[in-house]
Structure formats: structure tokens, C-alpha cells
């Protein structure tokens, strides 16, 4: 079961990365051009998103009762919108808008050796570490 889970995760990651490369979403200039709605706007990211939603919708409709490589589907249980969620979304959006990288495409772009990708992912990891430290200090008090 574990080998099947690892193989399916690797295959899904490969397909995701390949899709990002083919669609151009690993190029920050392409993403920033999509965000530049008052300038030289490039709407192609809309087609990438529409394709992703379409694949998800089809997969959701055709899903099995139980996944092949897991005990069940991982479905989020919460639904609460709080300050932490809003702040996290804002930080994510600002980071994406400033750098042109989303974490997934940034990991794929590591192969380019670009210093910008390395700095971006360093900041992502630093932010994750800072969040864990802040969470731990809030729980202690």
C-alpha cells in the first residue's frame, strides 16, 4: 500500500510539474503579466485555472468510493474564516504578487538554479518556521 501511495504521489507531482512548465506558470513574468490588469495584461492564466477546475470537476464526479492508495479521502473539516486565515491569505497574495512565484511553481523552478527562486523559497520556509514559533508561543501563554 505504501509503495502504491508513493508511486501515485510521485506521478501526480510529475504531472503537476509538467503542467506548470508547459503552461508557462513557472515563469514569474507570465504570472506578473496576469496580475497586471491595468497594463499589458496576459489572460492565459485564466485558461490554466479553467483547465484545472475542469479536471478537478471531472475527477470529483468519477471518483471512487475509496481511494486506491489511502484509507479515505482527506476532506477539511473546518470552515471557519478567522484572522489567521485572512492574514495568511494576504501574505500569500503579497508574496505571489511581488515575486511572481506561487510555492508549487517555485519548487518546479528550483531546477533552473535561479537565485530569485532560492530566495523566494527561503522566505517561504522562514515564514513557515516563524509561524510555528508564534503558534507555539501563543499556546504556551
N, C-alpha and C. Protein backbone atom coordinates (compact mmCIF):
# COMPACT_ATOMS: atom_id res chain seq x y z
N UNK A 1 0.83 -1.19 0.00
CA UNK A 1 0.00 0.00 0.00
C UNK A 1 0.88 1.26 0.00
N UNK A 2 1.95 1.25 0.82
CA UNK A 2 2.82 2.43 0.89
C UNK A 2 3.53 2.68 -0.45
N UNK A 3 3.96 1.62 -1.11
CA UNK A 3 4.64 1.77 -2.41
C UNK A 3 3.68 2.37 -3.44
N UNK A 4 2.43 1.91 -3.43
CA UNK A 4 1.42 2.45 -4.35
C UNK A 4 1.15 3.92 -4.04
N UNK A 5 1.08 4.26 -2.75
CA UNK A 5 0.85 5.64 -2.33
C UNK A 5 2.01 6.53 -2.80
N UNK A 6 3.23 6.07 -2.59
CA UNK A 6 4.40 6.86 -3.01
C UNK A 6 4.47 7.00 -4.53
N UNK A 7 4.18 5.92 -5.24
CA UNK A 7 4.22 5.96 -6.71
C UNK A 7 3.14 6.90 -7.25
N UNK A 8 1.94 6.85 -6.67
CA UNK A 8 0.88 7.72 -7.16
C UNK A 8 1.17 9.18 -6.82
N UNK A 9 1.77 9.43 -5.66
CA UNK A 9 2.15 10.79 -5.29
C UNK A 9 3.23 11.32 -6.24
N UNK A 10 4.20 10.48 -6.55
CA UNK A 10 5.26 10.89 -7.47
C UNK A 10 4.70 11.17 -8.86
N UNK A 11 3.80 10.33 -9.33
CA UNK A 11 3.19 10.52 -10.64
C UNK A 11 2.35 11.79 -10.67
N UNK A 12 1.59 12.05 -9.61
CA UNK A 12 0.78 13.26 -9.54
C UNK A 12 1.68 14.50 -9.51
N UNK A 13 2.76 14.44 -8.75
CA UNK A 13 3.69 15.56 -8.69
C UNK A 13 4.36 15.81 -10.04
N UNK A 14 4.73 14.75 -10.72
CA UNK A 14 5.32 14.88 -12.04
C UNK A 14 4.34 15.50 -13.03
N UNK A 15 3.10 15.05 -13.01
CA UNK A 15 2.07 15.61 -13.90
C UNK A 15 1.83 17.08 -13.58
N UNK A 16 1.78 17.43 -12.29
CA UNK A 16 1.59 18.81 -11.87
C UNK A 16 2.75 19.69 -12.35
N UNK A 17 3.96 19.24 -12.11
CA UNK A 17 5.14 20.00 -12.53
C UNK A 17 5.21 20.16 -14.04
N UNK A 18 4.91 19.10 -14.77
CA UNK A 18 4.92 19.17 -16.22
C UNK A 18 3.86 20.16 -16.72
N UNK A 19 2.69 20.12 -16.11
CA UNK A 19 1.63 21.06 -16.47
C UNK A 19 2.05 22.50 -16.22
N UNK A 20 2.74 22.75 -15.11
CA UNK A 20 3.22 24.10 -14.81
C UNK A 20 4.23 24.57 -15.85
N UNK A 21 5.14 23.69 -16.22
CA UNK A 21 6.16 24.05 -17.21
C UNK A 21 5.52 24.32 -18.57
N UNK A 22 4.65 23.41 -19.02
CA UNK A 22 4.02 23.55 -20.33
C UNK A 22 3.17 24.82 -20.40
N UNK A 23 2.47 25.14 -19.31
CA UNK A 23 1.59 26.31 -19.32
C UNK A 23 2.35 27.62 -19.12
N UNK A 24 3.62 27.53 -18.77
CA UNK A 24 4.42 28.74 -18.56
C UNK A 24 4.29 29.32 -17.17
N UNK A 25 3.63 28.62 -16.27
CA UNK A 25 3.40 29.16 -14.93
C UNK A 25 4.64 29.12 -14.05
N UNK A 26 5.73 28.58 -14.53
CA UNK A 26 6.99 28.62 -13.77
C UNK A 26 7.78 29.88 -14.11
N UNK A 27 7.27 30.67 -15.05
CA UNK A 27 7.94 31.93 -15.42
C UNK A 27 7.24 33.08 -14.69
N UNK A 28 7.92 33.71 -13.73
CA UNK A 28 7.30 34.80 -12.99
C UNK A 28 6.76 35.91 -13.89
N UNK A 29 7.42 36.17 -15.01
CA UNK A 29 6.96 37.24 -15.91
C UNK A 29 5.55 36.94 -16.42
N UNK A 30 5.24 35.68 -16.65
CA UNK A 30 3.91 35.28 -17.13
C UNK A 30 2.85 35.52 -16.05
N UNK A 31 3.19 35.15 -14.82
CA UNK A 31 2.26 35.33 -13.71
C UNK A 31 2.07 36.82 -13.42
N UNK A 32 3.17 37.58 -13.41
CA UNK A 32 3.06 39.01 -13.14
C UNK A 32 2.27 39.72 -14.24
N UNK A 33 2.38 39.24 -15.47
CA UNK A 33 1.61 39.82 -16.57
C UNK A 33 0.11 39.55 -16.37
N UNK A 34 -0.23 38.42 -15.76
CA UNK A 34 -1.63 38.14 -15.46
C UNK A 34 -2.15 39.08 -14.38
N UNK A 35 -1.30 39.40 -13.41
CA UNK A 35 -1.71 40.27 -12.31
C UNK A 35 -1.75 41.75 -12.72
N UNK A 36 -1.16 42.08 -13.84
CA UNK A 36 -1.10 43.47 -14.31
C UNK A 36 -2.34 43.80 -15.14
N UNK A 37 -3.50 43.89 -14.48
CA UNK A 37 -4.76 44.07 -15.21
C UNK A 37 -4.90 45.45 -15.84
N UNK A 38 -4.14 46.43 -15.37
CA UNK A 38 -4.24 47.78 -15.94
C UNK A 38 -3.09 48.08 -16.90
N UNK A 39 -2.25 47.09 -17.15
CA UNK A 39 -1.13 47.27 -18.06
C UNK A 39 -1.22 46.31 -19.22
N UNK A 40 -0.13 45.59 -19.47
CA UNK A 40 -0.07 44.62 -20.55
C UNK A 40 -0.56 43.27 -20.03
N UNK A 41 -1.88 43.17 -19.83
CA UNK A 41 -2.48 42.01 -19.19
C UNK A 41 -2.40 40.77 -20.08
N UNK A 42 -2.02 39.65 -19.46
CA UNK A 42 -1.95 38.36 -20.16
C UNK A 42 -2.97 37.42 -19.51
N UNK A 43 -4.12 37.17 -20.14
CA UNK A 43 -5.18 36.38 -19.51
C UNK A 43 -4.98 34.86 -19.56
N UNK A 44 -3.85 34.38 -20.05
CA UNK A 44 -3.71 32.93 -20.25
C UNK A 44 -3.79 32.14 -18.95
N UNK A 45 -3.47 32.76 -17.82
CA UNK A 45 -3.58 32.05 -16.55
C UNK A 45 -5.04 31.65 -16.28
N UNK A 46 -5.98 32.43 -16.79
CA UNK A 46 -7.40 32.06 -16.65
C UNK A 46 -7.68 30.72 -17.31
N UNK A 47 -7.07 30.47 -18.45
CA UNK A 47 -7.27 29.19 -19.15
C UNK A 47 -6.63 28.04 -18.37
N UNK A 48 -5.48 28.30 -17.76
CA UNK A 48 -4.84 27.28 -16.93
C UNK A 48 -5.75 26.95 -15.74
N UNK A 49 -6.28 28.00 -15.09
CA UNK A 49 -7.17 27.77 -13.95
C UNK A 49 -8.45 27.06 -14.38
N UNK A 50 -9.01 27.46 -15.51
CA UNK A 50 -10.24 26.81 -16.01
C UNK A 50 -9.97 25.33 -16.32
N UNK A 51 -8.81 25.04 -16.88
CA UNK A 51 -8.44 23.65 -17.15
C UNK A 51 -8.31 22.86 -15.86
N UNK A 52 -7.70 23.47 -14.85
CA UNK A 52 -7.55 22.78 -13.56
C UNK A 52 -8.90 22.52 -12.91
N UNK A 53 -9.79 23.50 -12.95
CA UNK A 53 -11.13 23.32 -12.38
C UNK A 53 -11.88 22.24 -13.15
N UNK A 54 -11.73 22.23 -14.47
CA UNK A 54 -12.40 21.21 -15.27
C UNK A 54 -11.91 19.81 -14.95
N UNK A 55 -10.61 19.64 -14.82
CA UNK A 55 -10.05 18.33 -14.48
C UNK A 55 -10.52 17.90 -13.09
N UNK A 56 -10.51 18.85 -12.14
CA UNK A 56 -10.98 18.54 -10.79
C UNK A 56 -12.45 18.12 -10.81
N UNK A 57 -13.27 18.88 -11.52
CA UNK A 57 -14.71 18.58 -11.57
C UNK A 57 -14.96 17.19 -12.15
N UNK A 58 -14.26 16.86 -13.21
CA UNK A 58 -14.40 15.54 -13.81
C UNK A 58 -13.92 14.45 -12.85
N UNK A 59 -12.77 14.67 -12.25
CA UNK A 59 -12.24 13.70 -11.29
C UNK A 59 -13.15 13.53 -10.09
N UNK A 60 -13.76 14.60 -9.64
CA UNK A 60 -14.68 14.53 -8.49
C UNK A 60 -15.91 13.71 -8.85
N UNK A 61 -16.42 13.91 -10.05
CA UNK A 61 -17.62 13.18 -10.48
C UNK A 61 -17.33 11.68 -10.68
N UNK A 62 -16.10 11.37 -11.11
CA UNK A 62 -15.74 9.98 -11.41
C UNK A 62 -14.99 9.30 -10.27
N UNK A 63 -14.93 9.94 -9.12
CA UNK A 63 -14.13 9.40 -8.01
C UNK A 63 -14.68 8.06 -7.52
N UNK A 64 -13.77 7.30 -6.99
CA UNK A 64 -14.13 6.00 -6.42
C UNK A 64 -14.70 6.21 -5.02
N UNK A 65 -15.36 5.21 -4.51
CA UNK A 65 -15.89 5.31 -3.15
C UNK A 65 -14.75 5.44 -2.14
N UNK A 66 -13.65 4.75 -2.43
CA UNK A 66 -12.47 4.79 -1.55
C UNK A 66 -11.24 4.92 -2.44
N UNK A 67 -10.29 5.79 -2.09
CA UNK A 67 -9.08 5.93 -2.91
C UNK A 67 -8.29 4.62 -2.97
N UNK A 68 -7.54 4.45 -4.07
CA UNK A 68 -6.73 3.24 -4.22
C UNK A 68 -5.57 3.18 -3.24
N UNK A 69 -4.97 4.34 -2.95
CA UNK A 69 -3.73 4.35 -2.18
C UNK A 69 -3.87 4.99 -0.80
N UNK A 70 -5.09 5.08 -0.28
CA UNK A 70 -5.28 5.67 1.05
C UNK A 70 -6.51 5.04 1.69
N UNK A 71 -6.63 5.24 2.99
CA UNK A 71 -7.76 4.68 3.72
C UNK A 71 -9.05 5.46 3.47
N UNK A 72 -8.91 6.72 3.08
CA UNK A 72 -10.08 7.55 2.82
C UNK A 72 -9.65 8.87 2.22
N UNK A 73 -10.61 9.67 1.84
CA UNK A 73 -10.32 10.99 1.28
C UNK A 73 -10.04 11.97 2.43
N UNK A 74 -9.08 12.83 2.23
CA UNK A 74 -8.75 13.86 3.23
C UNK A 74 -9.60 15.09 2.92
N UNK A 75 -10.64 15.28 3.69
CA UNK A 75 -11.56 16.39 3.47
C UNK A 75 -11.45 17.34 4.67
N UNK A 76 -11.19 18.62 4.43
CA UNK A 76 -11.08 19.55 5.55
C UNK A 76 -12.38 19.61 6.34
N UNK A 77 -12.26 19.66 7.65
CA UNK A 77 -13.46 19.65 8.49
C UNK A 77 -13.88 21.06 8.90
N UNK A 78 -12.92 21.97 9.03
CA UNK A 78 -13.26 23.33 9.47
C UNK A 78 -13.91 24.11 8.35
N UNK A 79 -14.37 25.23 8.65
CA UNK A 79 -14.96 26.10 7.66
C UNK A 79 -14.93 27.52 8.18
N UNK A 80 -14.16 27.69 9.23
CA UNK A 80 -14.10 28.96 9.93
C UNK A 80 -13.16 29.93 9.22
N UNK A 81 -13.64 31.12 8.97
CA UNK A 81 -12.80 32.17 8.43
C UNK A 81 -12.44 33.08 9.60
N UNK A 82 -11.15 33.07 9.95
CA UNK A 82 -10.72 33.88 11.08
C UNK A 82 -9.55 34.78 10.66
N UNK A 83 -9.04 35.55 11.60
CA UNK A 83 -7.97 36.49 11.30
C UNK A 83 -6.71 35.78 10.81
N UNK A 84 -6.42 34.63 11.37
CA UNK A 84 -5.23 33.88 10.97
C UNK A 84 -5.32 33.46 9.50
N UNK A 85 -6.49 32.98 9.08
CA UNK A 85 -6.69 32.58 7.69
C UNK A 85 -6.57 33.79 6.77
N UNK A 86 -7.20 34.89 7.13
CA UNK A 86 -7.15 36.10 6.30
C UNK A 86 -5.74 36.66 6.20
N UNK A 87 -5.01 36.67 7.32
CA UNK A 87 -3.62 37.16 7.30
C UNK A 87 -2.75 36.25 6.44
N UNK A 88 -2.92 34.95 6.58
CA UNK A 88 -2.15 34.01 5.77
C UNK A 88 -2.43 34.18 4.28
N UNK A 89 -3.69 34.36 3.93
CA UNK A 89 -4.05 34.58 2.53
C UNK A 89 -3.46 35.88 2.01
N UNK A 90 -3.47 36.91 2.83
CA UNK A 90 -2.90 38.19 2.42
C UNK A 90 -1.39 38.08 2.21
N UNK A 91 -0.69 37.43 3.12
CA UNK A 91 0.76 37.25 2.98
C UNK A 91 1.08 36.43 1.74
N UNK A 92 0.30 35.37 1.50
CA UNK A 92 0.47 34.55 0.31
C UNK A 92 0.30 35.41 -0.94
N UNK A 93 -0.76 36.17 -1.00
CA UNK A 93 -1.05 37.01 -2.17
C UNK A 93 0.01 38.06 -2.41
N UNK A 94 0.48 38.71 -1.35
CA UNK A 94 1.52 39.73 -1.49
C UNK A 94 2.82 39.08 -1.98
N UNK A 95 3.16 37.93 -1.42
CA UNK A 95 4.37 37.23 -1.86
C UNK A 95 4.28 36.82 -3.32
N UNK A 96 3.12 36.34 -3.72
CA UNK A 96 2.91 35.94 -5.11
C UNK A 96 3.00 37.14 -6.03
N UNK A 97 2.35 38.24 -5.63
CA UNK A 97 2.36 39.44 -6.47
C UNK A 97 3.73 40.07 -6.58
N UNK A 98 4.51 40.05 -5.51
CA UNK A 98 5.84 40.68 -5.55
C UNK A 98 6.85 39.83 -6.31
N UNK A 99 6.75 38.51 -6.16
CA UNK A 99 7.77 37.65 -6.75
C UNK A 99 7.35 37.03 -8.07
N UNK A 100 6.04 36.85 -8.25
CA UNK A 100 5.57 36.13 -9.43
C UNK A 100 5.59 34.63 -9.24
N UNK A 101 5.97 34.19 -8.05
CA UNK A 101 6.02 32.75 -7.77
C UNK A 101 4.94 32.35 -6.80
N UNK A 102 4.34 31.23 -7.07
CA UNK A 102 3.47 30.51 -6.15
C UNK A 102 4.37 29.37 -5.65
N UNK A 103 4.19 28.85 -4.45
CA UNK A 103 5.12 27.82 -3.95
C UNK A 103 5.28 26.61 -4.87
N UNK A 104 4.21 26.10 -5.47
CA UNK A 104 4.33 24.93 -6.35
C UNK A 104 5.23 25.19 -7.55
N UNK A 105 4.94 26.24 -8.33
CA UNK A 105 5.82 26.55 -9.45
C UNK A 105 7.25 26.90 -9.02
N UNK A 106 7.39 27.48 -7.83
CA UNK A 106 8.74 27.80 -7.35
C UNK A 106 9.55 26.54 -7.13
N UNK A 107 8.93 25.51 -6.56
CA UNK A 107 9.64 24.24 -6.35
C UNK A 107 10.04 23.65 -7.69
N UNK A 108 9.13 23.70 -8.67
CA UNK A 108 9.45 23.20 -10.01
C UNK A 108 10.61 24.01 -10.60
N UNK A 109 10.61 25.32 -10.37
CA UNK A 109 11.62 26.21 -10.93
C UNK A 109 12.97 26.09 -10.25
N UNK A 110 13.07 25.36 -9.15
CA UNK A 110 14.37 25.18 -8.50
C UNK A 110 15.40 24.60 -9.45
N UNK A 111 14.93 23.81 -10.40
CA UNK A 111 15.84 23.21 -11.38
C UNK A 111 16.54 24.24 -12.23
N UNK A 112 16.01 25.44 -12.31
CA UNK A 112 16.65 26.49 -13.12
C UNK A 112 17.88 27.06 -12.43
N UNK A 113 17.95 26.90 -11.11
CA UNK A 113 19.08 27.45 -10.36
C UNK A 113 19.00 28.95 -10.15
N UNK A 114 17.87 29.54 -10.45
CA UNK A 114 17.69 30.99 -10.31
C UNK A 114 17.80 31.40 -8.85
N UNK A 115 18.59 32.44 -8.59
CA UNK A 115 18.75 32.94 -7.23
C UNK A 115 17.43 33.47 -6.69
N UNK A 116 16.59 34.04 -7.59
CA UNK A 116 15.29 34.53 -7.16
C UNK A 116 14.40 33.44 -6.59
N UNK A 117 14.43 32.26 -7.21
CA UNK A 117 13.64 31.12 -6.72
C UNK A 117 14.16 30.67 -5.36
N UNK A 118 15.47 30.61 -5.25
CA UNK A 118 16.08 30.15 -4.00
C UNK A 118 15.74 31.13 -2.87
N UNK A 119 15.83 32.43 -3.13
CA UNK A 119 15.48 33.43 -2.12
C UNK A 119 14.01 33.32 -1.76
N UNK A 120 13.15 33.20 -2.77
CA UNK A 120 11.71 33.09 -2.53
C UNK A 120 11.40 31.89 -1.64
N UNK A 121 11.92 30.71 -2.00
CA UNK A 121 11.64 29.52 -1.21
C UNK A 121 12.27 29.61 0.18
N UNK A 122 13.40 30.28 0.31
CA UNK A 122 13.98 30.52 1.63
C UNK A 122 13.05 31.37 2.49
N UNK A 123 12.44 32.37 1.87
CA UNK A 123 11.47 33.21 2.59
C UNK A 123 10.23 32.41 2.97
N UNK A 124 9.76 31.54 2.07
CA UNK A 124 8.61 30.69 2.38
C UNK A 124 8.92 29.81 3.59
N UNK A 125 10.08 29.16 3.56
CA UNK A 125 10.47 28.29 4.67
C UNK A 125 10.65 29.09 5.96
N UNK A 126 11.23 30.28 5.84
CA UNK A 126 11.38 31.15 7.01
C UNK A 126 10.03 31.56 7.58
N UNK A 127 9.10 31.88 6.71
CA UNK A 127 7.75 32.23 7.16
C UNK A 127 7.06 31.07 7.84
N UNK A 128 7.26 29.87 7.32
CA UNK A 128 6.66 28.68 7.94
C UNK A 128 7.26 28.46 9.33
N UNK A 129 8.58 28.62 9.45
CA UNK A 129 9.24 28.45 10.74
C UNK A 129 8.77 29.51 11.73
N UNK A 130 8.65 30.75 11.28
CA UNK A 130 8.18 31.83 12.14
C UNK A 130 6.75 31.57 12.61
N UNK A 131 5.91 31.08 11.72
CA UNK A 131 4.54 30.75 12.09
C UNK A 131 4.49 29.68 13.17
N UNK A 132 5.32 28.67 13.03
CA UNK A 132 5.36 27.60 14.04
C UNK A 132 5.82 28.16 15.39
N UNK A 133 6.84 29.03 15.37
CA UNK A 133 7.31 29.62 16.61
C UNK A 133 6.23 30.47 17.27
N UNK A 134 5.54 31.28 16.48
CA UNK A 134 4.47 32.12 17.01
C UNK A 134 3.32 31.27 17.55
N UNK A 135 2.96 30.21 16.82
CA UNK A 135 1.90 29.32 17.30
C UNK A 135 2.27 28.68 18.63
N UNK A 136 3.52 28.24 18.73
CA UNK A 136 3.99 27.60 19.98
C UNK A 136 3.97 28.60 21.14
N UNK A 137 4.37 29.84 20.88
CA UNK A 137 4.38 30.83 21.96
C UNK A 137 2.97 31.22 22.38
N UNK A 138 2.03 31.25 21.46
CA UNK A 138 0.63 31.56 21.79
C UNK A 138 0.03 30.43 22.62
N UNK A 139 0.35 29.18 22.28
CA UNK A 139 -0.19 28.03 23.03
C UNK A 139 0.36 27.98 24.44
N UNK A 140 1.62 28.44 24.63
CA UNK A 140 2.22 28.42 25.98
C UNK A 140 1.63 29.48 26.88
N UNK A 141 1.15 30.58 26.30
CA UNK A 141 0.65 31.67 27.14
C UNK A 141 -0.82 31.59 27.42
